[in-house]
Amino acid sequence: MVSIDEVARTAGVSTATVSRALSGRGHVSVATRARVESAAKSLGYVVSSSASSLASGRTRNIGVLVPFLDRWFFSTVLSGTASALMRRGYDITLYNLTADREQRRDVFETFLRRQRVDGVIAISIELGDEETERLRELDLPVIAIGGPNPRLTTLTVDDVAVARLATEHLIGLGHREIAHIGASPEFDVDFHIPTHRRLGFEQALRDAGIPPRPSLYEPADFTIEGGFRAAKQLLGRPGEHPTAIFAASDEMAIGALLAARELGYRVPEDLSVVGIDGHELGEFFRLTTVDQFPHGQGERAADAILDELEAAAAGNPTEEPRHLPYELIVRGTTARLDR
């Protein structure tokens, strides 16, 4: 293996300068840093993680807790987190935190206590009081994406406001018979996002003088298949049908589009459909959505955890909880009601 001494000789500097230049800690001129990096690259030198950890007290590794690996939203947030951490020279250790109590206890009481991570990011997981306490006992920075946790620094999306925005878009187009595809109780976990989105939907209706109707609500499971089945129920019943559907996720909205097509509805002429998320398939289906930028959420979480590490090293206080952005993206699945 190439040693740090060889890099120092090639670059014409001391080993201490090489260490400062490659670690990013301590002052090194731009020209010297470039010379050291060039020498390291030409020699194929890679900083030893164990040596770096001993010298700095850091592992340059961030632990990430995620409830699902096979769901589009979570994998997209995770992709953003991993990309941002890698850009800043950090590794990632992934913990798939399921609903299994024994497994969760192992993660909080064993794995995270091995001092192999510099900080923890929790992606859309509602942590219990005991789990939050275990995290705080680690004395490491923690960033939580999702609903508020008063004991942790959080990045939050206002799901009530997001749903209001989607519903107000449909109301503004003249729709009053608006159906909602939400979630059944078993999927209403971790910050009760479906409940908040239904609450925002109903608030927007009431503010417009439209009474919410239970017959225009259908639960699903936040998948394309679930949205398809729910929309078939809403659109296939006898009697008057909705002129618009607000789905609590883009995947369910895409399922609704496919169901409408199968039943002979023209979108948006006969039926307007709007979702939430910013799914990568949204552009293909020309889906109107409220984009919550999941990849960007992951990037912001990574930047926030590294900022907290730097703030802790400098003795600065951490910031207050941050609100994540969202934006209505109008495409081809919504139109003014022509009746």
Protein backbone atom coordinates (compact mmCIF):
# COMPACT_ATOMS: atom_id res chain seq x y z
CA MET A 1 0.00 0.00 0.00
CA VAL A 2 1.09 3.55 -0.69
CA SER A 3 1.97 5.42 2.51
CA ILE A 4 1.31 9.00 3.51
CA ASP A 5 5.11 9.54 3.52
CA GLU A 6 5.26 8.76 -0.21
CA VAL A 7 2.49 11.25 -0.91
CA ALA A 8 4.34 13.88 1.14
CA ARG A 9 7.59 13.30 -0.75
CA THR A 10 5.86 13.44 -4.14
CA ALA A 11 4.01 16.64 -3.25
CA GLY A 12 7.04 18.18 -1.54
CA VAL A 13 5.24 18.84 1.75
CA SER A 14 5.14 17.39 5.26
CA THR A 15 2.96 14.45 6.26
CA ALA A 16 1.00 16.82 8.53
CA THR A 17 0.18 18.99 5.50
CA VAL A 18 -0.95 15.90 3.57
CA SER A 19 -3.21 14.95 6.48
CA ARG A 20 -4.76 18.42 6.65
CA ALA A 21 -5.20 18.64 2.88
CA LEU A 22 -6.91 15.26 2.49
CA SER A 23 -9.04 15.41 5.64
CA GLY A 24 -10.30 18.94 5.03
CA ARG A 25 -9.43 19.88 8.61
CA GLY A 26 -6.97 22.71 9.17
CA HIS A 27 -5.73 25.46 6.87
CA VAL A 28 -4.01 24.52 3.61
CA SER A 29 -3.62 26.84 0.64
CA VAL A 30 -5.59 26.05 -2.50
CA ALA A 31 -2.42 25.42 -4.50
CA THR A 32 -0.96 23.10 -1.88
CA ARG A 33 -4.20 21.17 -1.51
CA ALA A 34 -4.36 20.69 -5.28
CA ARG A 35 -0.73 19.47 -5.34
CA VAL A 36 -1.36 16.99 -2.53
CA GLU A 37 -4.58 15.68 -4.11
CA SER A 38 -2.79 15.27 -7.44
CA ALA A 39 0.06 13.35 -5.78
CA ALA A 40 -2.38 11.12 -3.88
CA LYS A 41 -4.33 10.37 -7.04
CA SER A 42 -1.25 9.58 -9.11
CA LEU A 43 0.02 7.20 -6.42
CA GLY A 44 -3.38 5.63 -5.76
CA TYR A 45 -3.31 6.68 -2.11
CA VAL A 46 -6.51 6.29 -0.07
CA VAL A 47 -6.84 7.62 3.46
CA SER A 48 -7.05 4.77 5.97
CA SER A 49 -10.46 4.89 7.64
CA SER A 50 -9.10 3.45 10.89
CA ALA A 51 -6.17 5.87 11.02
CA SER A 52 -8.44 8.79 10.17
CA SER A 53 -10.87 7.74 12.88
CA LEU A 54 -8.11 7.52 15.49
CA ALA A 55 -6.74 10.93 14.52
CA SER A 56 -10.04 12.77 14.26
CA GLY A 57 -12.35 10.86 16.60
CA ARG A 58 -14.76 10.39 13.66
CA THR A 59 -15.69 7.35 11.62
CA ARG A 60 -16.86 9.40 8.60
CA ASN A 61 -19.88 7.13 8.57
CA ILE A 62 -23.56 8.04 9.06
CA GLY A 63 -26.21 5.58 10.22
CA VAL A 64 -29.54 5.78 8.39
CA LEU A 65 -32.77 4.30 9.75
CA VAL A 66 -35.41 3.53 7.11
CA PRO A 67 -38.70 1.57 7.48
CA PHE A 68 -38.96 0.24 3.90
CA LEU A 69 -36.37 -0.50 1.22
CA ASP A 70 -38.81 -1.56 -1.49
CA ARG A 71 -41.04 1.54 -1.53
CA TRP A 72 -40.33 4.24 -4.10
CA PHE A 73 -40.53 7.19 -1.70
CA PHE A 74 -38.13 5.77 0.87
CA SER A 75 -35.63 4.51 -1.71
CA THR A 76 -35.65 7.93 -3.39
CA VAL A 77 -35.01 9.77 -0.11
CA LEU A 78 -32.28 7.24 0.68
CA SER A 79 -30.69 7.79 -2.74
CA GLY A 80 -30.51 11.53 -2.08
CA THR A 81 -28.98 10.94 1.34
CA ALA A 82 -26.35 8.52 0.05
CA SER A 83 -25.38 10.79 -2.86
CA ALA A 84 -24.92 13.84 -0.65
CA LEU A 85 -22.91 11.92 1.96
CA MET A 86 -20.61 10.43 -0.67
CA ARG A 87 -19.95 13.86 -2.17
CA ARG A 88 -18.61 14.94 1.21
CA GLY A 89 -16.55 11.81 1.78
CA TYR A 90 -18.85 9.94 4.15
CA ASP A 91 -19.94 6.32 4.12
CA ILE A 92 -23.42 5.13 5.04
CA THR A 93 -24.61 2.28 7.25
CA LEU A 94 -28.20 1.29 6.60
CA TYR A 95 -30.57 -0.03 9.27
CA ASN A 96 -33.91 -1.35 7.99
CA LEU A 97 -36.11 -0.51 10.97
CA THR A 98 -39.23 -2.66 10.75
CA ALA A 99 -42.21 -2.88 13.10
CA ASP A 100 -40.65 -5.90 14.83
CA ARG A 101 -40.01 -4.84 18.45
CA GLU A 102 -37.10 -7.21 19.04
CA GLN A 103 -35.35 -6.08 15.88
CA ARG A 104 -35.86 -2.41 16.72
CA ARG A 105 -34.49 -2.99 20.23
CA ASP A 106 -31.36 -4.57 18.77
CA VAL A 107 -30.79 -1.55 16.52
CA PHE A 108 -31.11 1.01 19.32
CA GLU A 109 -29.47 -0.91 22.14
CA THR A 110 -26.73 -2.77 20.28
CA PHE A 111 -25.92 -1.73 16.72
CA LEU A 112 -25.98 2.03 17.20
CA ARG A 113 -23.95 1.76 20.43
CA ARG A 114 -20.93 0.22 18.70
CA GLN A 115 -19.59 3.72 17.97
CA ARG A 116 -19.32 3.04 14.26
CA VAL A 117 -21.29 6.11 13.16
CA ASP A 118 -20.86 9.86 13.64
CA GLY A 119 -24.55 10.65 13.43
CA VAL A 120 -27.98 9.19 12.65
CA ILE A 121 -30.65 10.06 10.07
CA ALA A 122 -34.15 8.65 10.60
CA ILE A 123 -36.24 8.63 7.40
CA SER A 124 -39.99 8.93 8.04
CA ILE A 125 -39.97 6.78 11.17
CA GLU A 126 -42.01 7.75 14.21
CA LEU A 127 -39.71 6.97 17.13
CA GLY A 128 -41.11 6.07 20.53
CA ASP A 129 -40.05 7.89 23.70
CA GLU A 130 -37.68 5.09 24.68
CA GLU A 131 -36.14 4.93 21.20
CA THR A 132 -35.67 8.69 21.17
CA GLU A 133 -33.99 8.47 24.57
CA ARG A 134 -31.62 5.75 23.32
CA LEU A 135 -30.63 8.01 20.42
CA ARG A 136 -30.03 10.97 22.72
CA GLU A 137 -27.86 8.80 24.98
CA LEU A 138 -25.51 8.21 22.04
CA ASP A 139 -24.53 11.88 22.25
CA LEU A 140 -24.50 12.05 18.46
CA PRO A 141 -26.33 14.45 16.14
CA VAL A 142 -29.64 13.06 14.88
CA ILE A 143 -31.76 14.36 12.00
CA ALA A 144 -35.30 13.06 11.60
CA ILE A 145 -37.22 13.41 8.34
CA GLY A 146 -40.98 13.38 8.83
CA GLY A 147 -43.33 14.49 11.54
CA PRO A 148 -42.14 16.66 14.41
CA ASN A 149 -40.19 15.21 17.32
CA PRO A 150 -39.64 17.93 19.95
CA ARG A 151 -36.52 16.17 21.25
CA LEU A 152 -34.76 15.85 17.89
CA THR A 153 -33.82 18.15 15.04
CA THR A 154 -36.41 17.50 12.34
CA LEU A 155 -37.03 18.20 8.67
CA THR A 156 -40.81 18.27 8.25
CA VAL A 157 -43.39 18.51 5.49
CA ASP A 158 -46.73 20.07 6.43
CA ASP A 159 -48.97 17.28 5.16
CA VAL A 160 -52.15 19.17 6.01
CA ALA A 161 -51.00 22.14 3.90
CA VAL A 162 -49.85 19.86 1.07
CA ALA A 163 -53.28 18.21 0.88
CA ARG A 164 -55.03 21.57 1.07
CA LEU A 165 -52.98 22.80 -1.88
CA ALA A 166 -53.90 19.78 -4.01
CA THR A 167 -57.58 20.03 -3.10
CA GLU A 168 -57.75 23.81 -3.58
CA HIS A 169 -56.33 23.31 -7.07
CA LEU A 170 -59.31 21.08 -7.94
CA ILE A 171 -61.80 23.44 -6.29
CA GLY A 172 -60.30 26.35 -8.22
CA LEU A 173 -61.03 24.45 -11.43
CA GLY A 174 -64.72 24.31 -10.50
CA HIS A 175 -64.90 20.78 -9.09
CA ARG A 176 -67.20 20.10 -6.16
CA GLU A 177 -67.73 16.34 -6.40
CA ILE A 178 -64.18 15.50 -5.33
CA ALA A 179 -63.26 12.01 -4.16
CA HIS A 180 -60.28 11.15 -2.00
CA ILE A 181 -58.17 7.99 -2.05
CA GLY A 182 -56.41 7.76 1.31
CA ALA A 183 -55.23 4.86 3.45
CA SER A 184 -56.75 2.12 5.56
CA PRO A 185 -55.81 2.06 9.29
CA GLU A 186 -52.97 -0.47 8.93
CA PHE A 187 -51.12 1.95 6.65
CA ASP A 188 -51.78 5.00 8.80
CA VAL A 189 -48.57 4.72 10.81
CA ASP A 190 -45.45 6.84 11.40
CA PHE A 191 -46.73 10.39 11.88
CA HIS A 192 -50.22 9.48 10.56
CA ILE A 193 -49.49 11.07 7.19
CA PRO A 194 -52.69 9.72 5.54
CA THR A 195 -54.79 11.17 8.38
CA HIS A 196 -53.16 14.58 8.01
CA ARG A 197 -53.67 14.54 4.26
CA ARG A 198 -57.33 13.62 4.66
CA LEU A 199 -57.66 16.41 7.23
CA GLY A 200 -56.19 18.94 4.79
CA PHE A 201 -58.52 17.66 2.07
CA GLU A 202 -61.59 18.07 4.26
CA GLN A 203 -60.47 21.50 5.53
CA ALA A 204 -60.18 22.76 1.95
CA LEU A 205 -63.65 21.43 1.14
CA ARG A 206 -65.25 23.04 4.18
CA ASP A 207 -63.54 26.37 3.53
CA ALA A 208 -65.10 26.30 0.06
CA GLY A 209 -68.54 25.47 1.48
CA ILE A 210 -68.43 21.86 0.26
CA PRO A 211 -69.42 19.29 2.91
CA PRO A 212 -67.14 16.21 2.90
CA ARG A 213 -68.99 13.04 1.90
CA PRO A 214 -67.90 9.65 3.30
CA SER A 215 -69.16 8.00 0.10
CA LEU A 216 -66.41 9.82 -1.82
CA TYR A 217 -63.62 8.39 0.33
CA GLU A 218 -61.89 5.10 -0.47
CA PRO A 219 -58.91 3.64 1.43
CA ALA A 220 -55.94 1.98 -0.27
CA ASP A 221 -52.34 1.00 0.48
CA PHE A 222 -50.23 3.71 -1.22
CA THR A 223 -49.46 1.49 -4.24
CA ILE A 224 -50.48 1.72 -7.90
CA GLU A 225 -52.52 -1.48 -7.51
CA GLY A 226 -54.26 -0.11 -4.43
CA GLY A 227 -55.10 3.15 -6.18
CA PHE A 228 -56.45 1.20 -9.15
CA ARG A 229 -58.79 -0.85 -6.96
CA ALA A 230 -59.96 2.19 -4.97
CA ALA A 231 -60.71 4.21 -8.10
CA LYS A 232 -62.63 1.29 -9.59
CA GLN A 233 -64.83 1.37 -6.48
CA LEU A 234 -65.36 5.14 -6.65
CA LEU A 235 -66.03 5.27 -10.39
CA GLY A 236 -67.88 1.99 -10.79
CA ARG A 237 -70.63 2.50 -8.22
CA PRO A 238 -74.14 3.26 -9.39
CA GLY A 239 -75.32 6.82 -9.11
CA GLU A 240 -73.46 10.10 -9.44
CA HIS A 241 -69.71 9.88 -9.84
CA PRO A 242 -66.95 12.30 -8.81
CA THR A 243 -65.55 14.73 -11.35
CA ALA A 244 -62.15 14.75 -9.64
CA ILE A 245 -59.97 12.53 -7.45
CA PHE A 246 -57.32 13.63 -5.00
CA ALA A 247 -55.05 10.69 -4.16
CA ALA A 248 -52.77 10.86 -1.12
CA SER A 249 -49.80 9.60 -3.16
CA ASP A 250 -48.71 9.71 -6.79
CA GLU A 251 -48.64 5.93 -7.03
CA MET A 252 -52.31 5.74 -6.00
CA ALA A 253 -53.06 8.61 -8.42
CA ILE A 254 -51.42 6.65 -11.26
CA GLY A 255 -53.56 3.65 -10.31
CA ALA A 256 -56.63 5.90 -10.49
CA LEU A 257 -55.63 7.04 -13.99
CA LEU A 258 -55.37 3.43 -15.15
CA ALA A 259 -58.75 2.57 -13.61
CA ALA A 260 -60.39 5.59 -15.26
CA ARG A 261 -58.97 4.56 -18.62
CA GLU A 262 -60.28 1.00 -18.20
CA LEU A 263 -63.76 2.31 -17.31
CA GLY A 264 -63.88 4.61 -20.32
CA TYR A 265 -63.27 7.94 -18.58
CA ARG A 266 -61.32 10.60 -20.43
CA VAL A 267 -58.73 12.39 -18.30
CA PRO A 268 -58.96 15.32 -17.77
CA GLU A 269 -62.14 15.90 -19.84
CA ASP A 270 -64.35 13.60 -17.71
CA LEU A 271 -62.19 13.27 -14.62
CA SER A 272 -59.36 15.28 -13.07
CA VAL A 273 -56.75 13.50 -10.94
CA VAL A 274 -54.07 14.95 -8.64
CA GLY A 275 -51.54 13.23 -6.39
CA ILE A 276 -48.75 14.00 -3.95
CA ASP A 277 -45.03 13.16 -4.00
CA GLY A 278 -43.23 14.07 -7.23
CA HIS A 279 -42.91 10.47 -8.47
CA GLU A 280 -40.54 9.89 -11.37
CA LEU A 281 -43.43 8.37 -13.36
CA GLY A 282 -45.47 11.55 -12.94
CA GLU A 283 -43.97 13.19 -16.01
CA PHE A 284 -44.68 10.08 -18.13
CA PHE A 285 -48.35 10.04 -17.06
CA ARG A 286 -48.56 13.86 -17.24
CA LEU A 287 -49.78 13.72 -13.64
CA THR A 288 -50.61 16.90 -11.76
CA THR A 289 -49.01 16.58 -8.34
CA VAL A 290 -47.73 18.36 -5.28
CA ASP A 291 -44.02 17.63 -5.47
CA GLN A 292 -42.33 17.23 -2.08
CA PHE A 293 -38.91 16.61 -3.67
CA PRO A 294 -38.01 13.31 -1.94
CA HIS A 295 -34.51 13.11 -3.44
CA GLY A 296 -33.90 16.65 -2.22
CA GLN A 297 -35.19 15.68 1.23
CA GLY A 298 -32.45 13.07 1.43
CA GLU A 299 -29.81 15.55 0.32
CA ARG A 300 -30.98 18.14 2.84
CA ALA A 301 -30.91 15.55 5.64
CA ALA A 302 -27.32 14.61 4.76
CA ASP A 303 -26.25 18.25 4.64
CA ALA A 304 -28.05 18.93 7.93
CA ILE A 305 -26.34 16.06 9.79
CA LEU A 306 -22.90 17.12 8.57
CA ASP A 307 -23.66 20.74 9.45
CA GLU A 308 -24.59 19.58 12.96
CA LEU A 309 -21.30 17.69 13.23
CA GLU A 310 -19.42 20.84 12.30
CA ALA A 311 -21.55 22.97 14.64
CA ALA A 312 -20.90 20.55 17.50
CA ALA A 313 -17.15 20.65 16.85
CA ALA A 314 -17.25 24.45 16.90
CA GLY A 315 -19.47 24.60 19.98
CA ASN A 316 -22.36 26.27 18.12
CA PRO A 317 -26.02 25.61 18.97
CA THR A 318 -28.12 23.52 16.60
CA GLU A 319 -30.84 25.07 14.49
CA GLU A 320 -34.57 24.92 15.05
CA PRO A 321 -36.62 22.31 13.13
CA ARG A 322 -36.76 23.04 9.41
CA HIS A 323 -39.72 22.91 7.05
CA LEU A 324 -39.25 21.08 3.76
CA PRO A 325 -40.45 22.69 0.53
CA TYR A 326 -43.29 21.50 -1.71
CA GLU A 327 -44.76 22.80 -4.97
CA LEU A 328 -47.88 22.27 -7.07
CA ILE A 329 -46.88 20.94 -10.50
CA VAL A 330 -49.78 21.29 -12.95
CA ARG A 331 -49.66 18.88 -15.89
CA GLY A 332 -52.27 17.20 -18.03
CA THR A 333 -54.48 15.26 -15.61
CA THR A 334 -56.43 18.22 -14.24
CA ALA A 335 -58.64 20.69 -16.11
CA ARG A 336 -61.44 23.14 -15.51
CA LEU A 337 -64.84 21.50 -15.08
CA ASP A 338 -66.87 22.20 -18.20
CA ARG A 339 -70.44 21.68 -17.00
